[in-house]
């Protein structure tokens, strides 16, 4: 088997530099590839009778089995996400950086928000002799067929950003720490208004990740004395975020701030608030290009006060790093959570060099 120890060390060093440059513990991802707008993280299924693809231990660690490249002297990877979007493109770029630095090949094919189509993508990866697959399901509930096909073919699965229906049947799950994202946004609100106040939450109950974000925020601010006066489903989309925010403002004239589970619904809230001439502050999750653009334009006096960063580039890099550990028969973690950090009007210039971090 071709050894890539030097390249792997270089890649690890590159990742470490990126992490330090972004401010220590940060995120990579709402993650959210669909863009985060369509993110739906599935619940972990019942693991009884599950195929243990890599000897997963109770502590969440496993040891890979050495897999020789099927394509001569290099590995071939498949990469598929639920649908096209800049978030997922950043995930891919992060993975491709590591794979290509090792002289290996990566094939990229999006799932087009269609589980049947994405299954055909996975089947093509198998036919092409991929040694491992990076998989973000178009539909968590319908992911079992693709996962089974890869399990049957003996191909390791690195599930990223949104969970498959049964995490016991993938080798590793790489994801943003969603609860932490909400906590970070909440901590910024508490710092800005230690006296407390009334807050609304625009959530998205269909997504487990979105629920975790909302819970992280709510736990943080209620402990500090804030009152949650409303919690409504804004669909993770700008259009619904706008209409829900309009309703919230009419029902709550003394609202101080709103938490949005992603930047997409926050864009709608931002439009509603600015059109009404109100001074309601926005706290959100993603640190995508739209949020950073609004903060840059409005400055410290603007209403968009914080977005907890997702780090899709790092999600991709960590997915690739763990894939090489699996293929080389090394020990690895079966779940990797990428931490978040706050992007605010005061520090946004540090992150304007690219759409994502």
Protein backbone atom coordinates (compact mmCIF):
# COMPACT_ATOMS: atom_id res chain seq x y z
CA UNK A 1 0.00 0.00 0.00
CA UNK A 2 1.26 3.42 -0.85
CA UNK A 3 2.33 5.23 2.31
CA UNK A 4 1.53 8.91 2.63
CA UNK A 5 2.92 9.72 6.06
CA UNK A 6 4.80 12.84 5.01
CA UNK A 7 1.81 14.24 3.12
CA UNK A 8 -0.52 13.42 5.97
CA UNK A 9 1.74 15.26 8.41
CA UNK A 10 1.83 18.29 6.14
CA UNK A 11 -1.96 18.26 5.83
CA UNK A 12 -2.36 18.06 9.59
CA UNK A 13 -0.04 21.02 9.95
CA UNK A 14 -2.00 22.97 7.34
CA UNK A 15 -5.22 22.30 9.23
CA UNK A 16 -3.64 23.40 12.49
CA UNK A 17 -2.52 26.68 10.93
CA UNK A 18 -6.04 27.31 9.61
CA UNK A 19 -7.56 26.64 13.02
CA UNK A 20 -5.16 29.03 14.73
CA UNK A 21 -5.75 31.69 12.10
CA UNK A 22 -9.52 31.54 12.60
CA UNK A 23 -9.25 32.13 16.31
CA UNK A 24 -8.84 28.80 18.07
CA UNK A 25 -12.03 26.80 18.52
CA UNK A 26 -14.36 27.44 15.64
CA UNK A 27 -16.84 25.77 13.36
CA UNK A 28 -16.92 24.60 9.85
CA UNK A 29 -20.04 23.79 8.84
CA UNK A 30 -24.43 24.03 9.39
CA UNK A 31 -23.65 23.45 9.11
CA UNK A 32 -25.45 23.10 6.74
CA UNK A 33 -24.69 22.07 3.45
CA UNK A 34 -28.18 22.16 1.56
CA UNK A 35 -27.23 25.46 2.16
CA UNK A 36 -28.13 25.52 5.65
CA UNK A 37 -31.53 26.40 4.39
CA UNK A 38 -32.40 22.78 3.67
CA UNK A 39 -30.37 21.15 6.37
CA UNK A 40 -32.18 18.24 8.01
CA UNK A 41 -30.10 16.18 10.39
CA UNK A 42 -31.63 12.76 10.94
CA UNK A 43 -31.91 11.04 14.29
CA UNK A 44 -29.59 8.15 15.02
CA UNK A 45 -31.42 4.91 14.43
CA UNK A 46 -31.59 1.80 16.59
CA UNK A 47 -28.17 0.19 16.48
CA UNK A 48 -29.37 -3.28 17.39
CA UNK A 49 -28.05 -5.73 14.83
CA UNK A 50 -26.12 -3.00 13.02
CA UNK A 51 -23.05 -3.83 10.99
CA UNK A 52 -20.05 -2.65 12.97
CA UNK A 53 -18.02 -1.37 10.03
CA UNK A 54 -14.95 -0.40 12.04
CA UNK A 55 -15.08 -1.91 15.51
CA UNK A 56 -16.70 1.12 17.15
CA UNK A 57 -16.15 1.21 20.89
CA UNK A 58 -18.49 2.53 23.56
CA UNK A 59 -16.15 5.51 23.96
CA UNK A 60 -16.75 6.60 20.37
CA UNK A 61 -13.43 5.40 19.04
CA UNK A 62 -12.61 2.87 16.36
CA UNK A 63 -9.67 1.37 14.51
CA UNK A 64 -9.67 1.17 10.75
CA UNK A 65 -8.71 -1.84 8.68
CA UNK A 66 -5.91 -1.28 6.17
CA UNK A 67 -7.46 -0.90 2.71
CA UNK A 68 -5.20 -1.08 -0.32
CA UNK A 69 -6.10 1.32 -3.16
CA UNK A 70 -8.36 -0.31 -5.73
CA UNK A 71 -6.95 1.89 -8.49
CA UNK A 72 -3.26 1.08 -8.61
CA UNK A 73 -1.10 3.36 -6.49
CA UNK A 74 -3.62 6.00 -5.46
CA UNK A 75 -6.87 6.24 -3.54
CA UNK A 76 -10.11 7.35 -5.11
CA UNK A 77 -12.79 9.11 -3.04
CA UNK A 78 -16.41 9.91 -3.79
CA UNK A 79 -18.00 13.10 -2.45
CA UNK A 80 -21.74 13.75 -2.55
CA UNK A 81 -23.84 16.37 -0.77
CA UNK A 82 -27.62 16.83 -0.56
CA UNK A 83 -27.72 19.72 -3.05
CA UNK A 84 -25.52 22.39 -4.59
CA UNK A 85 -24.64 25.46 -2.54
CA UNK A 86 -21.68 27.55 -1.45
CA UNK A 87 -21.59 25.87 1.98
CA UNK A 88 -21.16 22.42 0.45
CA UNK A 89 -18.72 23.69 -2.14
CA UNK A 90 -16.58 24.87 0.78
CA UNK A 91 -16.88 21.41 2.39
CA UNK A 92 -15.74 19.83 -0.87
CA UNK A 93 -12.84 22.26 -1.27
CA UNK A 94 -11.63 21.44 2.23
CA UNK A 95 -11.69 17.70 1.53
CA UNK A 96 -10.17 18.08 -1.93
CA UNK A 97 -7.29 20.11 -0.51
CA UNK A 98 -6.22 17.19 1.67
CA UNK A 99 -6.90 14.48 -0.93
CA UNK A 100 -5.04 16.25 -3.71
CA UNK A 101 -2.11 17.05 -1.42
CA UNK A 102 -1.76 13.28 -1.02
CA UNK A 103 -1.75 12.77 -4.80
CA UNK A 104 -5.11 11.05 -4.72
CA UNK A 105 -8.38 11.51 -6.63
CA UNK A 106 -11.78 12.81 -5.52
CA UNK A 107 -15.00 12.64 -7.55
CA UNK A 108 -17.69 15.21 -6.75
CA UNK A 109 -21.37 14.72 -7.58
CA UNK A 110 -24.21 16.55 -5.80
CA UNK A 111 -27.41 14.82 -4.75
CA UNK A 112 -29.81 17.35 -6.34
CA UNK A 113 -32.06 17.16 -3.25
CA UNK A 114 -33.27 13.81 -4.59
CA UNK A 115 -32.53 10.66 -2.59
CA UNK A 116 -33.16 8.33 -5.54
CA UNK A 117 -30.76 10.31 -7.70
CA UNK A 118 -28.18 10.42 -4.91
CA UNK A 119 -28.43 6.64 -4.53
CA UNK A 120 -27.47 6.35 -8.20
CA UNK A 121 -24.49 8.63 -7.49
CA UNK A 122 -23.38 6.33 -4.68
CA UNK A 123 -23.82 3.26 -6.90
CA UNK A 124 -21.62 4.95 -9.50
CA UNK A 125 -18.97 5.58 -6.85
CA UNK A 126 -19.02 1.87 -6.05
CA UNK A 127 -18.77 0.94 -9.74
CA UNK A 128 -15.80 3.28 -10.18
CA UNK A 129 -13.95 1.55 -7.34
CA UNK A 130 -13.97 4.36 -4.78
CA UNK A 131 -12.03 3.47 -1.65
CA UNK A 132 -14.08 5.71 0.68
CA UNK A 133 -17.08 8.03 0.31
CA UNK A 134 -17.89 11.38 1.88
CA UNK A 135 -21.68 11.35 2.21
CA UNK A 136 -24.19 14.08 3.12
CA UNK A 137 -27.69 12.67 2.58
CA UNK A 138 -30.36 14.43 0.53
CA UNK A 139 -32.92 12.88 2.87
CA UNK A 140 -31.86 11.36 6.18
CA UNK A 141 -34.90 9.08 6.32
CA UNK A 142 -34.10 7.70 2.86
CA UNK A 143 -30.35 7.35 3.42
CA UNK A 144 -30.45 3.68 4.46
CA UNK A 145 -30.30 2.34 0.89
CA UNK A 146 -27.14 4.27 0.01
CA UNK A 147 -25.53 3.39 3.33
CA UNK A 148 -26.35 -0.30 2.87
CA UNK A 149 -24.91 -0.30 -0.64
CA UNK A 150 -21.63 1.12 0.64
CA UNK A 151 -21.58 -1.23 3.65
CA UNK A 152 -22.16 -4.22 1.36
CA UNK A 153 -19.30 -3.06 -0.86
CA UNK A 154 -16.99 -2.70 2.16
CA UNK A 155 -16.46 1.00 1.47
CA UNK A 156 -15.91 3.27 4.49
CA UNK A 157 -18.42 6.12 4.91
CA UNK A 158 -17.57 9.53 6.28
CA UNK A 159 -20.97 11.12 6.93
CA UNK A 160 -20.66 14.92 7.14
CA UNK A 161 -22.85 17.83 8.27
CA UNK A 162 -26.29 16.12 8.31
CA UNK A 163 -26.71 12.71 9.89
CA UNK A 164 -27.89 9.58 8.12
CA UNK A 165 -30.79 7.67 9.65
CA UNK A 166 -28.49 5.24 11.49
CA UNK A 167 -25.10 6.57 12.53
CA UNK A 168 -24.02 3.12 13.74
CA UNK A 169 -23.57 2.13 10.09
CA UNK A 170 -21.13 4.84 9.11
CA UNK A 171 -17.50 5.01 10.15
CA UNK A 172 -17.42 8.64 11.22
CA UNK A 173 -19.80 11.60 11.53
CA UNK A 174 -18.22 15.05 11.09
CA UNK A 175 -20.51 17.90 12.10
CA UNK A 176 -20.70 21.37 13.59
CA UNK A 177 -21.32 21.54 17.34
CA UNK A 178 -24.83 22.90 16.93
CA UNK A 179 -25.63 23.40 20.62
CA UNK A 180 -22.42 25.39 20.97
CA UNK A 181 -23.45 27.60 18.05
CA UNK A 182 -26.57 28.61 19.93
CA UNK A 183 -24.63 29.11 23.15
CA UNK A 184 -22.17 31.43 21.45
CA UNK A 185 -24.91 33.57 19.96
CA UNK A 186 -26.61 33.68 23.36
CA UNK A 187 -23.40 34.70 25.11
CA UNK A 188 -23.04 37.65 22.73
CA UNK A 189 -26.58 38.79 23.53
CA UNK A 190 -25.93 38.51 27.28
CA UNK A 191 -22.68 40.46 26.89
CA UNK A 192 -24.43 43.22 24.95
CA UNK A 193 -27.44 43.39 27.31
CA UNK A 194 -26.57 42.14 30.79
CA UNK A 195 -29.81 43.68 32.04
CA UNK A 196 -31.86 41.10 30.13
CA UNK A 197 -34.91 41.66 27.95
CA UNK A 198 -37.51 40.01 25.73
CA UNK A 199 -36.34 37.71 22.94
CA UNK A 200 -37.96 35.69 20.15
CA UNK A 201 -36.60 32.55 18.49
CA UNK A 202 -37.00 31.64 14.82
CA UNK A 203 -36.42 27.90 14.77
CA UNK A 204 -36.79 24.96 12.36
CA UNK A 205 -38.09 21.89 14.23
CA UNK A 206 -37.65 19.59 11.22
CA UNK A 207 -33.88 19.76 11.74
CA UNK A 208 -32.22 18.17 14.75
CA UNK A 209 -29.24 20.50 14.30
CA UNK A 210 -31.51 23.55 14.26
CA UNK A 211 -33.23 22.34 17.43
CA UNK A 212 -29.85 21.95 19.13
CA UNK A 213 -28.94 25.51 18.15
CA UNK A 214 -32.19 26.89 19.50
CA UNK A 215 -31.75 24.97 22.75
CA UNK A 216 -28.19 26.20 23.18
CA UNK A 217 -29.34 29.78 22.75
CA UNK A 218 -32.43 29.47 24.97
CA UNK A 219 -30.55 27.74 27.79
CA UNK A 220 -27.88 30.44 27.76
CA UNK A 221 -30.11 33.51 27.72
CA UNK A 222 -32.83 32.29 30.07
CA UNK A 223 -30.19 31.46 32.66
CA UNK A 224 -29.11 35.12 32.35
CA UNK A 225 -32.65 36.38 32.96
CA UNK A 226 -33.95 36.92 29.42
CA UNK A 227 -37.57 36.10 28.61
CA UNK A 228 -38.40 34.03 25.51
CA UNK A 229 -41.72 35.57 24.44
CA UNK A 230 -42.14 33.53 21.23
CA UNK A 231 -40.60 30.56 19.43
CA UNK A 232 -41.78 30.03 15.87
CA UNK A 233 -40.89 27.87 12.88
CA UNK A 234 -39.37 30.14 10.21
CA UNK A 235 -38.55 27.28 7.84
CA UNK A 236 -34.84 28.16 7.65
CA UNK A 237 -35.68 30.30 4.59
CA UNK A 238 -35.56 34.08 4.00
CA UNK A 239 -39.15 34.32 2.77
CA UNK A 240 -40.68 32.68 5.82
CA UNK A 241 -38.24 34.44 8.12
CA UNK A 242 -39.61 37.74 6.82
CA UNK A 243 -43.29 36.93 7.31
CA UNK A 244 -42.78 35.34 10.73
CA UNK A 245 -40.71 38.31 11.88
CA UNK A 246 -43.42 40.72 10.75
CA UNK A 247 -45.97 38.83 12.85
CA UNK A 248 -43.64 38.75 15.84
CA UNK A 249 -43.08 42.50 15.76
CA UNK A 250 -46.81 43.19 15.71
CA UNK A 251 -47.43 40.89 18.66
CA UNK A 252 -44.37 41.99 20.65
CA UNK A 253 -43.73 45.74 20.35
CA UNK A 254 -41.08 45.64 23.12
CA UNK A 255 -38.95 42.90 21.56
CA UNK A 256 -35.25 43.46 22.12
CA UNK A 257 -33.67 40.72 20.00
CA UNK A 258 -34.37 37.69 17.82
CA UNK A 259 -32.35 34.49 17.46
CA UNK A 260 -32.43 32.80 14.05
CA UNK A 261 -31.20 29.22 13.66
CA UNK A 262 -29.44 30.13 10.39
CA UNK A 263 -28.44 33.18 8.39
CA UNK A 264 -31.05 32.42 5.75
CA UNK A 265 -34.08 33.00 7.95
CA UNK A 266 -32.13 35.83 9.58
CA UNK A 267 -31.99 37.56 6.18
CA UNK A 268 -35.78 37.60 6.16
CA UNK A 269 -35.89 38.90 9.73
CA UNK A 270 -33.34 41.57 8.83
CA UNK A 271 -35.49 42.74 5.90
CA UNK A 272 -38.63 42.89 8.07
CA UNK A 273 -36.93 44.77 10.90
CA UNK A 274 -35.17 47.33 8.69
CA UNK A 275 -38.31 47.93 6.60
CA UNK A 276 -40.24 48.65 9.81
CA UNK A 277 -37.51 50.96 11.08
CA UNK A 278 -37.19 48.96 14.30
CA UNK A 279 -34.07 48.47 16.40
CA UNK A 280 -34.45 44.75 17.15
CA UNK A 281 -31.09 42.98 17.23
CA UNK A 282 -30.36 39.78 15.28
CA UNK A 283 -28.27 36.83 16.51
CA UNK A 284 -27.88 33.87 14.15
CA UNK A 285 -25.79 30.89 13.04
CA UNK A 286 -23.61 30.30 9.95
CA UNK A 287 -21.34 33.31 9.30
CA UNK A 288 -22.06 32.93 5.62
CA UNK A 289 -21.41 35.64 3.03
CA UNK A 290 -24.80 37.36 3.43
CA UNK A 291 -24.48 37.87 7.19
CA UNK A 292 -20.93 39.11 6.88
CA UNK A 293 -21.95 41.50 4.10
CA UNK A 294 -24.73 43.00 6.24
CA UNK A 295 -22.41 43.46 9.21
CA UNK A 296 -19.74 45.03 7.03
CA UNK A 297 -22.24 47.44 5.46
CA UNK A 298 -23.99 48.48 8.69
CA UNK A 299 -21.03 48.49 11.04
CA UNK A 300 -21.17 48.46 14.82
CA UNK A 301 -24.44 50.44 14.83
CA UNK A 302 -26.25 47.83 12.71
CA UNK A 303 -28.85 45.41 14.06
CA UNK A 304 -27.09 42.16 13.02
CA UNK A 305 -24.95 41.73 16.13
CA UNK A 306 -23.63 38.17 15.89
CA UNK A 307 -23.55 35.06 13.72
CA UNK A 308 -21.99 31.93 15.20
CA UNK A 309 -19.66 30.65 12.52
CA UNK A 310 -19.91 27.36 10.75
CA UNK A 311 -16.66 26.15 9.23
CA UNK A 312 -17.41 24.04 6.15
CA UNK A 313 -13.80 24.20 4.95
CA UNK A 314 -12.69 22.60 8.21
CA UNK A 315 -15.54 20.06 8.03
CA UNK A 316 -14.14 18.96 4.67
CA UNK A 317 -10.55 18.88 5.91
CA UNK A 318 -11.40 16.87 9.01
CA UNK A 319 -13.50 14.47 6.92
CA UNK A 320 -10.50 13.81 4.68
CA UNK A 321 -8.11 13.47 7.61
CA UNK A 322 -10.27 10.83 9.27
CA UNK A 323 -10.73 9.01 5.94
CA UNK A 324 -6.97 8.50 5.69
CA UNK A 325 -6.84 7.20 9.27
CA UNK A 326 -9.54 4.66 8.42
CA UNK A 327 -7.83 3.52 5.22
CA UNK A 328 -4.44 3.27 6.93
CA UNK A 329 -5.80 1.11 9.75
CA UNK A 330 -5.26 3.78 12.40
CA UNK A 331 -7.37 4.67 15.43
CA UNK A 332 -9.94 7.42 14.86
CA UNK A 333 -12.91 9.11 16.50
CA UNK A 334 -16.32 8.00 15.26
CA UNK A 335 -17.77 11.50 15.73
CA UNK A 336 -15.96 14.79 15.24
CA UNK A 337 -17.68 18.00 16.29
CA UNK A 338 -16.32 21.22 14.85
CA UNK A 339 -16.59 24.06 17.35
CA UNK A 340 -18.03 27.46 16.53
CA UNK A 341 -16.96 31.06 17.23
CA UNK A 342 -18.64 34.45 17.12
CA UNK A 343 -18.46 36.72 14.08
CA UNK A 344 -19.56 40.24 15.02
CA UNK A 345 -19.41 43.70 13.44
CA UNK A 346 -16.24 44.28 15.46
CA UNK A 347 -14.30 41.33 14.01
CA UNK A 348 -16.05 40.63 10.68
CA UNK A 349 -13.20 42.11 8.64
CA UNK A 350 -11.03 39.20 9.78
CA UNK A 351 -13.36 36.77 7.95
CA UNK A 352 -14.21 38.73 4.79
CA UNK A 353 -11.39 37.19 2.79
CA UNK A 354 -13.61 34.27 1.72
CA UNK A 355 -17.28 33.31 1.79
CA UNK A 356 -16.71 30.63 4.41
CA UNK A 357 -14.16 29.65 7.00
